[in-house]
N, C-alpha and C. Protein backbone atom coordinates (compact mmCIF):
# COMPACT_ATOMS: atom_id res chain seq x y z
N MET A 1 -9.80 -11.11 19.80
CA MET A 1 -8.92 -10.95 18.25
C MET A 1 -8.97 -9.05 18.43
N SER A 2 -8.45 -8.30 17.73
CA SER A 2 -8.30 -6.96 17.67
C SER A 2 -9.05 -6.74 16.28
N ILE A 3 -9.51 -5.58 16.17
CA ILE A 3 -10.67 -5.36 15.21
C ILE A 3 -9.70 -4.39 14.40
N ILE A 4 -9.52 -4.61 12.99
CA ILE A 4 -9.35 -3.40 12.04
C ILE A 4 -10.22 -2.72 11.53
N ARG A 5 -9.96 -1.59 12.09
CA ARG A 5 -10.99 -0.33 11.76
C ARG A 5 -10.80 0.27 10.06
N VAL A 6 -11.85 0.23 9.06
CA VAL A 6 -11.40 0.37 7.79
C VAL A 6 -12.43 1.47 7.35
N ALA A 7 -11.80 2.49 6.44
CA ALA A 7 -12.83 3.54 5.89
C ALA A 7 -12.41 3.41 4.19
N ILE A 8 -13.92 3.66 3.87
CA ILE A 8 -13.84 3.50 2.42
C ILE A 8 -13.73 4.62 1.61
N VAL A 9 -13.47 5.08 0.68
CA VAL A 9 -13.54 6.28 -0.21
C VAL A 9 -13.86 6.03 -1.56
N GLU A 10 -14.81 5.87 -1.89
CA GLU A 10 -15.52 5.49 -3.24
C GLU A 10 -16.65 5.90 -3.92
N ASP A 11 -16.49 6.71 -5.11
CA ASP A 11 -17.78 7.15 -5.49
C ASP A 11 -19.15 6.22 -5.62
N ASN A 12 -18.58 5.20 -6.41
CA ASN A 12 -19.75 4.17 -6.90
C ASN A 12 -20.12 3.90 -5.74
N ALA A 13 -21.58 3.77 -5.78
CA ALA A 13 -22.34 3.20 -4.60
C ALA A 13 -22.26 1.69 -4.45
N ALA A 14 -22.48 1.02 -5.61
CA ALA A 14 -22.72 -0.38 -5.42
C ALA A 14 -21.18 -0.83 -4.95
N VAL A 15 -20.04 -0.20 -5.46
CA VAL A 15 -18.76 -1.04 -4.89
C VAL A 15 -18.64 -0.84 -3.56
N ARG A 16 -18.86 0.91 -3.24
CA ARG A 16 -18.80 1.03 -1.87
C ARG A 16 -19.58 -0.01 -0.88
N ASP A 17 -20.86 -0.07 -1.42
CA ASP A 17 -22.01 -0.90 -0.53
C ASP A 17 -21.16 -2.74 -0.51
N SER A 18 -20.78 -2.86 -1.44
CA SER A 18 -19.99 -4.61 -1.33
C SER A 18 -18.94 -4.25 -0.52
N LEU A 19 -17.96 -3.47 -0.56
CA LEU A 19 -17.32 -3.12 0.24
C LEU A 19 -17.41 -3.38 1.73
N THR A 20 -18.62 -2.56 1.83
CA THR A 20 -18.77 -2.20 3.13
C THR A 20 -19.38 -3.71 3.90
N LEU A 21 -20.22 -4.04 3.12
CA LEU A 21 -20.68 -5.73 3.43
C LEU A 21 -19.56 -7.10 3.67
N VAL A 22 -18.72 -6.81 2.59
CA VAL A 22 -17.57 -8.10 3.28
C VAL A 22 -16.77 -7.34 4.35
N LEU A 23 -16.50 -6.41 4.31
CA LEU A 23 -15.69 -5.70 5.47
C LEU A 23 -16.36 -6.05 7.10
N ASN A 24 -17.57 -5.84 7.14
CA ASN A 24 -18.55 -5.88 8.13
C ASN A 24 -19.02 -7.26 8.53
N GLY A 25 -18.70 -8.22 7.15
CA GLY A 25 -19.06 -9.41 7.53
C GLY A 25 -18.03 -10.56 8.08
N SER A 26 -16.58 -9.86 8.01
CA SER A 26 -15.77 -10.87 8.07
C SER A 26 -15.30 -10.31 9.17
N GLN A 27 -14.67 -11.32 10.05
CA GLN A 27 -14.15 -11.41 11.52
C GLN A 27 -12.66 -10.57 11.36
N GLY A 28 -12.67 -9.98 12.42
CA GLY A 28 -11.84 -8.71 12.61
C GLY A 28 -11.46 -7.68 11.54
N PHE A 29 -12.58 -7.26 11.11
CA PHE A 29 -12.96 -6.04 10.34
C PHE A 29 -14.22 -5.12 11.04
N LYS A 30 -14.02 -4.01 10.49
CA LYS A 30 -14.75 -3.21 10.55
C LYS A 30 -14.72 -1.91 10.06
N CYS A 31 -15.88 -1.62 8.81
CA CYS A 31 -16.03 -0.38 8.04
C CYS A 31 -16.61 0.85 9.20
N VAL A 32 -15.39 1.75 9.40
CA VAL A 32 -15.92 2.87 10.24
C VAL A 32 -16.49 3.85 9.39
N CYS A 33 -16.15 4.58 8.28
CA CYS A 33 -17.15 5.22 7.43
C CYS A 33 -16.86 4.84 6.30
N ALA A 34 -18.10 5.33 4.85
CA ALA A 34 -17.61 4.83 3.82
C ALA A 34 -18.41 6.64 2.96
N CYS A 35 -17.20 6.96 2.59
CA CYS A 35 -17.41 8.20 1.88
C CYS A 35 -17.23 7.99 0.36
N ALA A 36 -18.30 8.92 -0.17
CA ALA A 36 -18.29 8.98 -1.99
C ALA A 36 -17.51 10.21 -2.40
N SER A 37 -17.23 11.00 -1.87
CA SER A 37 -16.01 11.94 -2.65
C SER A 37 -14.85 12.46 -1.38
N ALA A 38 -13.75 12.78 -2.10
CA ALA A 38 -12.94 13.45 -1.37
C ALA A 38 -13.25 14.20 0.04
N LYS A 39 -14.41 15.24 -0.25
CA LYS A 39 -14.60 16.37 0.64
C LYS A 39 -15.17 15.55 1.84
N GLU A 40 -15.70 14.28 1.60
CA GLU A 40 -16.52 14.01 2.55
C GLU A 40 -15.55 12.85 3.58
N ALA A 41 -14.24 12.18 2.71
CA ALA A 41 -13.27 11.26 3.29
C ALA A 41 -12.50 12.82 4.39
N LEU A 42 -12.14 14.09 3.70
CA LEU A 42 -11.22 14.78 4.18
C LEU A 42 -12.05 15.36 5.62
N LYS A 43 -13.31 15.22 5.67
CA LYS A 43 -14.27 15.63 7.20
C LYS A 43 -14.36 14.27 8.00
N ALA A 44 -14.52 13.33 7.26
CA ALA A 44 -15.06 12.10 8.27
C ALA A 44 -13.53 11.49 8.80
N ILE A 45 -12.68 11.10 7.78
CA ILE A 45 -11.69 10.16 8.30
C ILE A 45 -11.07 11.08 9.67
N PRO A 46 -10.75 12.06 9.41
CA PRO A 46 -9.51 12.60 10.92
C PRO A 46 -10.55 12.54 12.16
N VAL A 47 -11.92 12.14 12.05
CA VAL A 47 -12.97 12.27 13.11
C VAL A 47 -12.89 10.51 13.55
N MET A 48 -12.95 9.84 12.41
CA MET A 48 -13.50 8.38 13.00
C MET A 48 -11.90 7.58 13.22
N LYS A 49 -11.02 8.22 12.72
CA LYS A 49 -9.81 7.40 12.98
C LYS A 49 -9.48 6.06 12.55
N PRO A 50 -9.60 5.97 11.30
CA PRO A 50 -9.57 4.43 10.68
C PRO A 50 -7.81 4.17 11.16
N ASP A 51 -7.82 2.31 10.94
CA ASP A 51 -6.76 2.40 10.80
C ASP A 51 -6.11 2.22 9.28
N VAL A 52 -7.00 1.75 8.37
CA VAL A 52 -6.43 1.36 7.11
C VAL A 52 -7.88 2.13 6.25
N VAL A 53 -7.48 2.95 5.41
CA VAL A 53 -8.18 3.46 4.08
C VAL A 53 -8.16 2.70 2.86
N LEU A 54 -9.19 2.37 2.25
CA LEU A 54 -9.32 1.96 1.05
C LEU A 54 -9.77 3.26 0.21
N MET A 55 -8.94 3.52 -0.68
CA MET A 55 -9.29 5.04 -1.41
C MET A 55 -8.77 4.74 -2.77
N ASP A 56 -10.43 5.21 -3.74
CA ASP A 56 -10.56 5.31 -5.15
C ASP A 56 -9.56 6.57 -5.86
N ILE A 57 -9.16 6.40 -6.51
CA ILE A 57 -8.30 7.80 -7.46
C ILE A 57 -9.32 8.68 -8.37
N ASN A 58 -10.17 8.18 -8.87
CA ASN A 58 -11.23 9.06 -9.82
C ASN A 58 -12.44 9.47 -8.77
N LEU A 59 -12.33 10.37 -7.94
CA LEU A 59 -13.41 10.77 -7.28
C LEU A 59 -13.81 12.12 -7.69
N PRO A 60 -15.10 12.12 -7.30
CA PRO A 60 -15.66 13.26 -8.16
C PRO A 60 -15.35 14.67 -7.92
N ASP A 61 -14.98 15.00 -6.98
CA ASP A 61 -14.57 16.45 -6.65
C ASP A 61 -12.91 16.51 -6.96
N ARG A 62 -12.36 16.16 -5.81
CA ARG A 62 -10.56 15.90 -6.55
C ARG A 62 -9.93 14.67 -6.42
N SER A 63 -8.98 14.65 -6.72
CA SER A 63 -8.37 13.00 -7.20
C SER A 63 -8.09 12.58 -5.45
N GLY A 64 -8.02 11.31 -5.91
CA GLY A 64 -7.95 10.18 -4.71
C GLY A 64 -6.43 10.87 -4.46
N ILE A 65 -5.48 10.90 -5.42
CA ILE A 65 -4.06 11.17 -4.82
C ILE A 65 -4.15 12.41 -4.24
N GLU A 66 -4.54 13.68 -4.53
CA GLU A 66 -4.60 14.88 -3.57
C GLU A 66 -5.14 14.45 -1.84
N CYS A 67 -6.23 13.60 -2.16
CA CYS A 67 -7.17 13.28 -0.90
C CYS A 67 -6.16 12.47 0.05
N VAL A 68 -5.14 11.61 -0.47
CA VAL A 68 -3.96 11.10 0.17
C VAL A 68 -3.26 11.74 0.61
N ARG A 69 -2.52 12.86 -0.27
CA ARG A 69 -1.44 13.90 0.42
C ARG A 69 -1.91 14.56 1.51
N VAL A 70 -3.26 14.97 1.42
CA VAL A 70 -3.74 15.92 2.80
C VAL A 70 -3.99 14.79 3.93
N LEU A 71 -4.05 13.49 3.58
CA LEU A 71 -4.51 13.03 5.13
C LEU A 71 -3.49 12.57 5.85
N THR A 72 -2.55 11.98 4.74
CA THR A 72 -1.12 11.88 5.14
C THR A 72 -0.41 12.70 6.14
N ASP A 73 -0.93 14.12 5.59
CA ASP A 73 -0.17 15.11 6.33
C ASP A 73 -0.73 15.90 7.39
N GLN A 74 -2.01 15.23 7.35
CA GLN A 74 -3.00 15.31 8.67
C GLN A 74 -2.30 14.01 9.82
N MET A 75 -2.70 12.92 9.54
CA MET A 75 -2.34 11.83 9.94
C MET A 75 -0.91 10.68 9.51
N PRO A 76 -0.10 11.16 9.97
CA PRO A 76 1.37 10.68 9.36
C PRO A 76 1.12 9.20 9.60
N LYS A 77 0.35 8.30 10.55
CA LYS A 77 0.44 6.96 10.48
C LYS A 77 -0.54 6.62 10.11
N LEU A 78 -1.50 7.07 9.30
CA LEU A 78 -2.60 6.43 8.40
C LEU A 78 -2.28 5.34 7.32
N LEU A 79 -2.52 4.25 7.08
CA LEU A 79 -2.44 3.50 6.45
C LEU A 79 -3.35 3.84 5.09
N ILE A 80 -3.16 3.61 3.65
CA ILE A 80 -3.73 3.98 2.71
C ILE A 80 -3.35 3.06 1.51
N ILE A 81 -4.60 2.11 1.37
CA ILE A 81 -4.47 1.35 -0.25
C ILE A 81 -5.09 1.97 -1.53
N MET A 82 -4.77 2.24 -2.30
CA MET A 82 -5.19 2.54 -3.49
C MET A 82 -6.04 1.25 -4.11
N LEU A 83 -7.32 1.75 -4.69
CA LEU A 83 -8.18 0.37 -4.65
C LEU A 83 -9.06 0.83 -6.39
N THR A 84 -7.86 0.76 -7.46
CA THR A 84 -8.61 1.40 -8.73
C THR A 84 -8.30 0.47 -9.68
N ILE A 85 -9.10 1.11 -11.13
CA ILE A 85 -9.24 0.13 -12.23
C ILE A 85 -7.94 0.77 -12.89
N GLU A 86 -6.92 1.60 -12.35
CA GLU A 86 -5.86 2.01 -13.06
C GLU A 86 -4.60 1.01 -13.06
N GLU A 87 -3.96 0.86 -14.04
CA GLU A 87 -3.01 0.71 -14.45
C GLU A 87 -2.09 1.27 -14.99
N ASP A 88 -1.96 2.53 -14.52
CA ASP A 88 -0.65 3.70 -15.21
C ASP A 88 0.37 3.91 -14.33
N SER A 89 1.77 3.58 -14.92
CA SER A 89 2.46 3.71 -13.86
C SER A 89 2.59 5.25 -13.61
N ARG A 90 2.36 6.29 -14.09
CA ARG A 90 2.32 7.51 -13.55
C ARG A 90 1.32 7.72 -12.44
N ARG A 91 0.14 6.86 -12.31
CA ARG A 91 -0.41 7.20 -11.58
C ARG A 91 0.00 6.49 -9.88
N VAL A 92 0.44 5.13 -10.35
CA VAL A 92 0.72 4.42 -8.92
C VAL A 92 2.08 5.34 -8.53
N PHE A 93 3.33 5.66 -9.10
CA PHE A 93 4.13 6.23 -8.98
C PHE A 93 3.73 7.86 -7.91
N GLU A 94 2.77 8.59 -8.58
CA GLU A 94 1.96 9.68 -8.13
C GLU A 94 1.28 9.35 -6.34
N SER A 95 0.95 8.13 -6.55
CA SER A 95 0.01 7.88 -5.35
C SER A 95 0.94 7.40 -3.84
N LEU A 96 2.04 6.55 -4.60
CA LEU A 96 3.20 6.19 -3.38
C LEU A 96 3.59 7.56 -3.04
N GLU A 97 3.90 8.49 -3.73
CA GLU A 97 4.44 9.88 -3.32
C GLU A 97 3.86 10.45 -2.59
N ALA A 98 2.57 10.59 -3.03
CA ALA A 98 1.48 11.19 -2.18
C ALA A 98 1.30 10.48 -0.49
N GLY A 99 1.78 9.28 -0.41
CA GLY A 99 1.72 8.50 0.91
C GLY A 99 1.23 7.24 1.06
N ALA A 100 0.51 7.03 -0.10
CA ALA A 100 0.33 5.56 -0.41
C ALA A 100 0.89 3.90 0.51
N ASN A 101 0.25 3.23 0.76
CA ASN A 101 0.76 2.23 1.27
C ASN A 101 0.91 0.83 0.28
N GLY A 102 0.14 0.83 -0.63
CA GLY A 102 -0.52 0.02 -1.38
C GLY A 102 -1.18 0.27 -2.70
N TYR A 103 -1.15 -0.71 -3.35
CA TYR A 103 -2.17 -0.31 -4.95
C TYR A 103 -2.72 -1.92 -5.24
N LEU A 104 -3.96 -1.77 -5.57
CA LEU A 104 -4.63 -2.70 -5.85
C LEU A 104 -5.44 -2.38 -6.80
N VAL A 105 -5.79 -3.28 -7.94
CA VAL A 105 -6.70 -3.14 -9.22
C VAL A 105 -8.08 -4.05 -8.34
N LYS A 106 -9.15 -3.14 -8.89
CA LYS A 106 -10.33 -3.33 -8.56
C LYS A 106 -10.96 -4.97 -8.71
N ASN A 107 -10.43 -5.48 -9.67
CA ASN A 107 -10.81 -6.93 -9.75
C ASN A 107 -10.07 -7.59 -9.32
N VAL A 108 -9.27 -7.38 -7.65
CA VAL A 108 -9.10 -8.90 -7.02
C VAL A 108 -10.45 -9.04 -6.38
N SER A 109 -10.03 -10.21 -5.57
CA SER A 109 -11.35 -10.86 -4.91
C SER A 109 -11.33 -10.42 -3.32
N PRO A 110 -12.01 -10.17 -2.84
CA PRO A 110 -12.53 -9.84 -1.63
C PRO A 110 -11.44 -10.48 -0.55
N ALA A 111 -11.21 -11.87 -0.56
CA ALA A 111 -10.72 -12.50 0.09
C ALA A 111 -8.91 -11.89 0.06
N THR A 112 -8.52 -11.35 -0.93
CA THR A 112 -7.31 -10.59 -1.24
C THR A 112 -7.64 -9.20 -0.66
N ILE A 113 -8.56 -8.77 -0.83
CA ILE A 113 -8.95 -7.31 -0.16
C ILE A 113 -8.48 -7.22 1.17
N LEU A 114 -9.08 -8.35 2.28
CA LEU A 114 -8.90 -8.54 3.39
C LEU A 114 -7.82 -8.90 3.77
N ALA A 115 -7.09 -9.72 3.15
CA ALA A 115 -5.53 -10.44 3.25
C ALA A 115 -4.52 -8.96 3.18
N SER A 116 -5.20 -7.89 1.96
CA SER A 116 -3.85 -7.19 1.65
C SER A 116 -4.33 -5.65 2.92
N ILE A 117 -5.23 -5.62 3.78
CA ILE A 117 -5.72 -4.77 4.54
C ILE A 117 -4.76 -5.34 6.01
N GLU A 118 -5.16 -6.91 6.18
CA GLU A 118 -4.14 -7.08 7.21
C GLU A 118 -2.47 -6.92 6.62
N GLU A 119 -2.17 -7.48 5.71
CA GLU A 119 -0.65 -7.00 5.28
C GLU A 119 -0.25 -5.59 5.96
N VAL A 120 -0.94 -4.57 5.18
CA VAL A 120 -0.55 -3.57 5.56
C VAL A 120 -0.47 -2.91 6.81
N HIS A 121 -1.37 -3.88 7.66
CA HIS A 121 -1.77 -3.52 9.11
C HIS A 121 -0.50 -3.71 9.70
N ARG A 122 0.11 -4.78 9.40
CA ARG A 122 1.53 -5.66 10.29
C ARG A 122 2.59 -4.51 9.63
N GLY A 123 2.23 -4.01 8.43
CA GLY A 123 3.67 -3.13 8.13
C GLY A 123 4.26 -3.41 6.54
N GLY A 124 3.39 -4.14 5.91
CA GLY A 124 3.61 -4.74 4.43
C GLY A 124 3.19 -3.64 3.45
N SER A 125 3.26 -3.79 2.18
CA SER A 125 2.82 -3.15 1.11
C SER A 125 2.19 -3.70 0.11
N PRO A 126 0.63 -4.18 0.57
CA PRO A 126 -0.06 -4.87 -1.02
C PRO A 126 0.13 -4.54 -2.04
N MET A 127 0.47 -5.37 -3.14
CA MET A 127 0.25 -4.71 -4.39
C MET A 127 -0.17 -5.71 -5.59
N SER A 128 -1.06 -5.65 -6.29
CA SER A 128 -1.52 -6.65 -7.24
C SER A 128 -0.42 -6.79 -8.15
N SER A 129 -0.22 -8.26 -8.40
CA SER A 129 0.93 -8.41 -9.22
C SER A 129 1.35 -7.88 -10.65
N GLN A 130 0.17 -7.24 -11.07
CA GLN A 130 0.48 -6.86 -12.30
C GLN A 130 0.98 -5.50 -12.04
N ILE A 131 0.70 -4.86 -10.75
CA ILE A 131 1.01 -3.74 -10.90
C ILE A 131 2.54 -3.75 -10.14
N ALA A 132 2.93 -4.45 -9.78
CA ALA A 132 4.07 -4.72 -8.95
C ALA A 132 5.27 -5.01 -10.17
N ARG A 133 4.70 -5.69 -11.25
CA ARG A 133 5.57 -5.97 -12.55
C ARG A 133 5.63 -4.73 -13.47
N LEU A 134 4.43 -3.80 -13.08
CA LEU A 134 4.85 -2.66 -13.60
C LEU A 134 5.86 -1.74 -13.34
N LEU A 135 5.65 -1.48 -11.74
CA LEU A 135 6.87 -0.81 -11.25
C LEU A 135 8.23 -1.22 -11.49
N VAL A 136 8.74 -2.70 -11.28
CA VAL A 136 9.45 -3.11 -11.64
C VAL A 136 10.20 -2.40 -12.97
N GLN A 137 9.40 -2.94 -13.95
CA GLN A 137 9.96 -2.60 -15.90
C GLN A 137 10.11 -1.31 -15.73
N SER A 138 9.41 -0.36 -15.09
CA SER A 138 9.59 1.18 -14.84
C SER A 138 10.89 1.77 -14.27
N PHE A 139 11.10 1.21 -13.28
CA PHE A 139 12.29 1.78 -12.73
C PHE A 139 13.81 0.44 -13.04
N ARG A 140 13.62 -0.08 -13.67
CA ARG A 140 14.73 -0.91 -14.23
C ARG A 140 15.44 -0.17 -14.53
N ARG A 141 16.85 -0.33 -13.92
CA ARG A 141 18.29 0.46 -15.12
C ARG A 141 19.42 -0.47 -14.94
N PRO A 142 19.88 -0.24 -15.85
CA PRO A 142 21.77 -1.05 -16.11
C PRO A 142 22.33 -1.01 -14.66
N ALA A 143 22.37 0.12 -14.06
CA ALA A 143 23.24 0.25 -12.81
C ALA A 143 22.16 0.34 -11.67
N LYS A 144 22.62 -0.34 -10.31
CA LYS A 144 22.08 0.36 -9.03
C LYS A 144 22.89 0.33 -8.14
N ALA A 145 22.09 1.28 -7.13
CA ALA A 145 22.40 1.77 -6.12
C ALA A 145 23.43 0.53 -5.18
N THR A 146 24.70 0.59 -4.16
CA THR A 146 25.04 -0.28 -3.51
C THR A 146 24.67 -0.15 -2.37
N GLY A 147 24.84 -1.05 -1.49
CA GLY A 147 24.32 -1.23 -0.23
C GLY A 147 24.84 -0.02 0.62
N PRO A 148 26.11 0.17 0.60
CA PRO A 148 26.89 1.37 1.51
C PRO A 148 26.29 2.39 0.86
N GLU A 149 25.92 2.75 -0.10
CA GLU A 149 25.17 4.00 -0.75
C GLU A 149 24.13 4.19 -0.03
N LEU A 150 23.18 3.10 -0.01
CA LEU A 150 21.86 3.71 0.89
C LEU A 150 21.77 3.53 2.18
N ASN A 151 23.33 3.20 2.68
CA ASN A 151 23.26 2.44 3.95
C ASN A 151 22.20 1.54 4.31
N LEU A 152 22.13 0.23 3.24
CA LEU A 152 21.45 -0.63 3.87
C LEU A 152 22.34 -1.96 4.23
N THR A 153 21.70 -3.04 4.86
CA THR A 153 22.76 -4.06 5.40
C THR A 153 22.42 -4.99 4.36
N GLU A 154 23.51 -6.02 4.33
CA GLU A 154 23.69 -7.25 3.39
C GLU A 154 22.33 -7.72 3.06
N ARG A 155 21.53 -8.09 4.22
CA ARG A 155 20.09 -8.71 4.24
C ARG A 155 19.11 -7.92 3.84
N GLU A 156 19.57 -6.47 4.39
CA GLU A 156 18.20 -5.84 3.61
C GLU A 156 18.56 -5.73 2.49
N GLU A 157 19.40 -5.56 1.25
CA GLU A 157 20.09 -5.69 0.06
C GLU A 157 19.42 -6.96 -0.43
N GLU A 158 19.54 -7.78 0.37
CA GLU A 158 19.23 -9.40 -0.44
C GLU A 158 17.34 -9.15 -0.38
N ILE A 159 16.76 -8.42 0.27
CA ILE A 159 15.41 -8.82 0.66
C ILE A 159 14.71 -7.66 -0.69
N LEU A 160 15.59 -6.55 -0.59
CA LEU A 160 15.24 -5.75 -1.70
C LEU A 160 15.37 -5.99 -3.00
N GLN A 161 15.96 -7.02 -3.01
CA GLN A 161 16.34 -7.60 -4.34
C GLN A 161 15.75 -8.64 -5.30
N LEU A 162 15.20 -9.11 -3.94
CA LEU A 162 13.94 -10.40 -4.05
C LEU A 162 12.65 -9.69 -4.09
N ILE A 163 12.51 -8.27 -3.55
CA ILE A 163 11.18 -7.90 -3.66
C ILE A 163 11.07 -7.17 -5.18
N SER A 164 11.85 -6.92 -5.46
CA SER A 164 12.06 -6.06 -7.04
C SER A 164 11.90 -7.23 -8.26
N GLN A 165 12.26 -8.51 -7.86
CA GLN A 165 12.00 -9.54 -8.49
C GLN A 165 10.55 -10.01 -8.65
N GLY A 166 9.90 -9.44 -8.02
CA GLY A 166 8.32 -9.52 -7.61
C GLY A 166 8.39 -10.72 -6.78
N TYR A 167 9.29 -11.16 -5.57
CA TYR A 167 8.48 -12.30 -4.79
C TYR A 167 7.72 -11.41 -3.85
N ARG A 168 6.74 -11.72 -3.02
CA ARG A 168 6.26 -11.49 -1.98
C ARG A 168 6.58 -11.51 -0.76
N ASN A 169 6.33 -11.45 0.50
CA ASN A 169 7.28 -11.44 1.78
C ASN A 169 7.50 -12.71 2.17
N LYS A 170 6.27 -13.89 1.93
CA LYS A 170 6.94 -15.41 2.40
C LYS A 170 7.30 -15.68 1.25
N GLU A 171 7.55 -15.37 0.21
CA GLU A 171 8.06 -15.89 -0.89
C GLU A 171 9.85 -15.95 -0.77
N ALA A 172 10.06 -14.57 0.11
CA ALA A 172 11.36 -14.04 0.23
C ALA A 172 11.78 -14.51 1.41
N ALA A 173 10.78 -14.63 2.32
CA ALA A 173 11.24 -15.80 3.53
C ALA A 173 11.84 -16.85 3.40
N ASP A 174 10.95 -17.69 2.40
CA ASP A 174 11.33 -18.93 2.09
C ASP A 174 12.62 -19.26 1.37
N LYS A 175 12.97 -18.20 0.63
CA LYS A 175 14.14 -18.09 0.15
C LYS A 175 15.21 -18.02 0.59
N LEU A 176 15.04 -16.78 2.19
CA LEU A 176 16.01 -16.68 2.44
C LEU A 176 16.42 -17.55 4.04
N GLY A 177 15.24 -18.09 3.92
CA GLY A 177 15.65 -19.04 5.12
C GLY A 177 14.95 -18.27 6.58
N ILE A 178 14.20 -17.45 6.01
CA ILE A 178 13.88 -16.48 7.63
C ILE A 178 12.51 -16.50 7.61
N SER A 179 12.16 -15.96 8.94
CA SER A 179 10.21 -15.84 8.86
C SER A 179 9.87 -14.58 8.39
N PRO A 180 8.42 -14.82 7.69
CA PRO A 180 7.84 -13.62 6.80
C PRO A 180 7.94 -12.27 7.89
N GLN A 181 7.51 -12.55 9.28
CA GLN A 181 7.71 -11.62 10.66
C GLN A 181 9.12 -11.24 10.40
N THR A 182 10.20 -11.51 10.09
CA THR A 182 11.51 -10.75 10.10
C THR A 182 11.71 -10.10 8.64
N VAL A 183 11.19 -10.52 7.63
CA VAL A 183 10.93 -10.02 6.48
C VAL A 183 10.54 -8.60 6.61
N GLU A 184 9.32 -8.60 7.23
CA GLU A 184 8.68 -7.50 7.69
C GLU A 184 9.09 -6.55 8.07
N THR A 185 9.96 -6.97 9.33
CA THR A 185 10.65 -5.86 10.07
C THR A 185 12.04 -5.43 9.73
N HIS A 186 12.54 -6.31 8.51
CA HIS A 186 13.73 -5.82 7.78
C HIS A 186 13.17 -4.52 6.59
N LEU A 187 11.70 -5.10 6.49
CA LEU A 187 11.28 -3.76 5.75
C LEU A 187 11.16 -2.78 5.89
N ARG A 188 10.28 -2.80 7.20
CA ARG A 188 10.54 -1.62 8.07
C ARG A 188 11.55 -0.77 8.12
N ASN A 189 12.79 -1.39 8.45
CA ASN A 189 13.97 -0.55 8.67
C ASN A 189 14.48 0.07 7.49
N ILE A 190 13.80 -0.91 5.94
CA ILE A 190 14.35 -0.12 5.20
C ILE A 190 13.35 1.47 4.61
N TYR A 191 12.52 0.95 4.88
CA TYR A 191 11.37 2.26 4.72
C TYR A 191 12.32 3.36 5.44
N HIS A 192 12.57 3.63 6.54
CA HIS A 192 13.14 4.64 7.55
C HIS A 192 14.11 4.98 7.30
N LYS A 193 15.45 4.13 6.55
CA LYS A 193 16.37 4.34 5.92
C LYS A 193 16.29 4.81 4.50
N LEU A 194 15.29 4.63 3.85
CA LEU A 194 15.17 5.44 2.31
C LEU A 194 14.44 6.46 2.51
N HIS A 195 13.56 6.55 3.72
CA HIS A 195 12.68 7.85 3.85
C HIS A 195 11.12 7.33 2.98
N VAL A 196 10.84 6.25 2.99
CA VAL A 196 9.65 6.03 2.02
C VAL A 196 8.43 5.12 3.16
N ARG A 197 7.61 5.24 2.31
CA ARG A 197 6.49 4.33 3.22
C ARG A 197 5.60 3.23 3.05
N SER A 198 6.40 2.65 1.76
CA SER A 198 5.86 1.22 1.11
C SER A 198 6.93 0.74 0.41
N ARG A 199 6.66 -0.65 -0.03
CA ARG A 199 7.69 -1.57 -0.17
C ARG A 199 7.98 -1.27 -1.76
N ALA A 200 6.85 -1.05 -2.84
CA ALA A 200 7.04 -0.22 -4.04
C ALA A 200 8.13 0.95 -4.05
N ALA A 201 7.89 1.64 -2.82
CA ALA A 201 8.67 3.03 -3.30
C ALA A 201 9.82 2.87 -3.00
N ALA A 202 10.36 1.86 -2.07
CA ALA A 202 11.71 1.34 -1.34
C ALA A 202 12.40 0.50 -2.91
N VAL A 203 11.56 -0.49 -3.68
CA VAL A 203 11.92 -0.65 -4.65
C VAL A 203 12.56 0.22 -5.57
N ALA A 204 11.53 1.16 -5.94
CA ALA A 204 11.74 2.31 -6.91
C ALA A 204 13.11 3.02 -6.57
N ARG A 205 13.73 3.30 -5.27
CA ARG A 205 14.39 3.89 -4.89
C ARG A 205 16.05 3.00 -5.26
N PHE A 206 15.67 1.59 -5.03
CA PHE A 206 16.81 0.79 -4.83
C PHE A 206 16.97 0.46 -6.44
N LEU A 207 16.20 0.41 -7.59
CA LEU A 207 16.12 0.52 -8.56
C LEU A 207 16.56 1.83 -9.45
N GLN A 208 16.42 3.11 -9.08
CA GLN A 208 16.52 3.99 -9.83
C GLN A 208 17.80 4.64 -9.64
N LYS A 209 19.02 3.88 -8.83
CA LYS A 209 20.09 4.53 -8.35
C LYS A 209 21.11 4.09 -9.47
């Protein structure tokens, strides 16, 4: 089994230590560095080259959003999940625009964090249910873009429609009678066409027009 290498950026020592223990105690995961500040992260992550980063927003020296922006400029393939107590739509949107691939609130279970790391590593965009609802509500518009306008296929538009209604990848797959892997492939194609990095950002583009 391949190991998913994970970096943690979290200023709370107890949370940082807890996440490190969860990762190193779970098969298929390894914490390669645990940073207490953006400064530490910007120095360590390019050297350690993790697959996935768990990033807090509120860091002592500069915001996690700024840190994401710098890291994704340096490492375009780096996958980043925001892990925070905040349910603020503005901060969610800023994180996604900076290059984050997912957004979880800190009260989720360790199992959910591990599953989310696996999901983002497969090309998905994990998001706590309350954050997904927040995004949909904030971007809901009377009129939306048509498939040709965004150069989406009929199937891609069907998937985005379901995702915008809060369906997770497996639920959308069951609804359409296809596999979750096929949904993930379609989502990757959607990201490329819409020039976004995450499911949430794709939904935002889809609902915004």
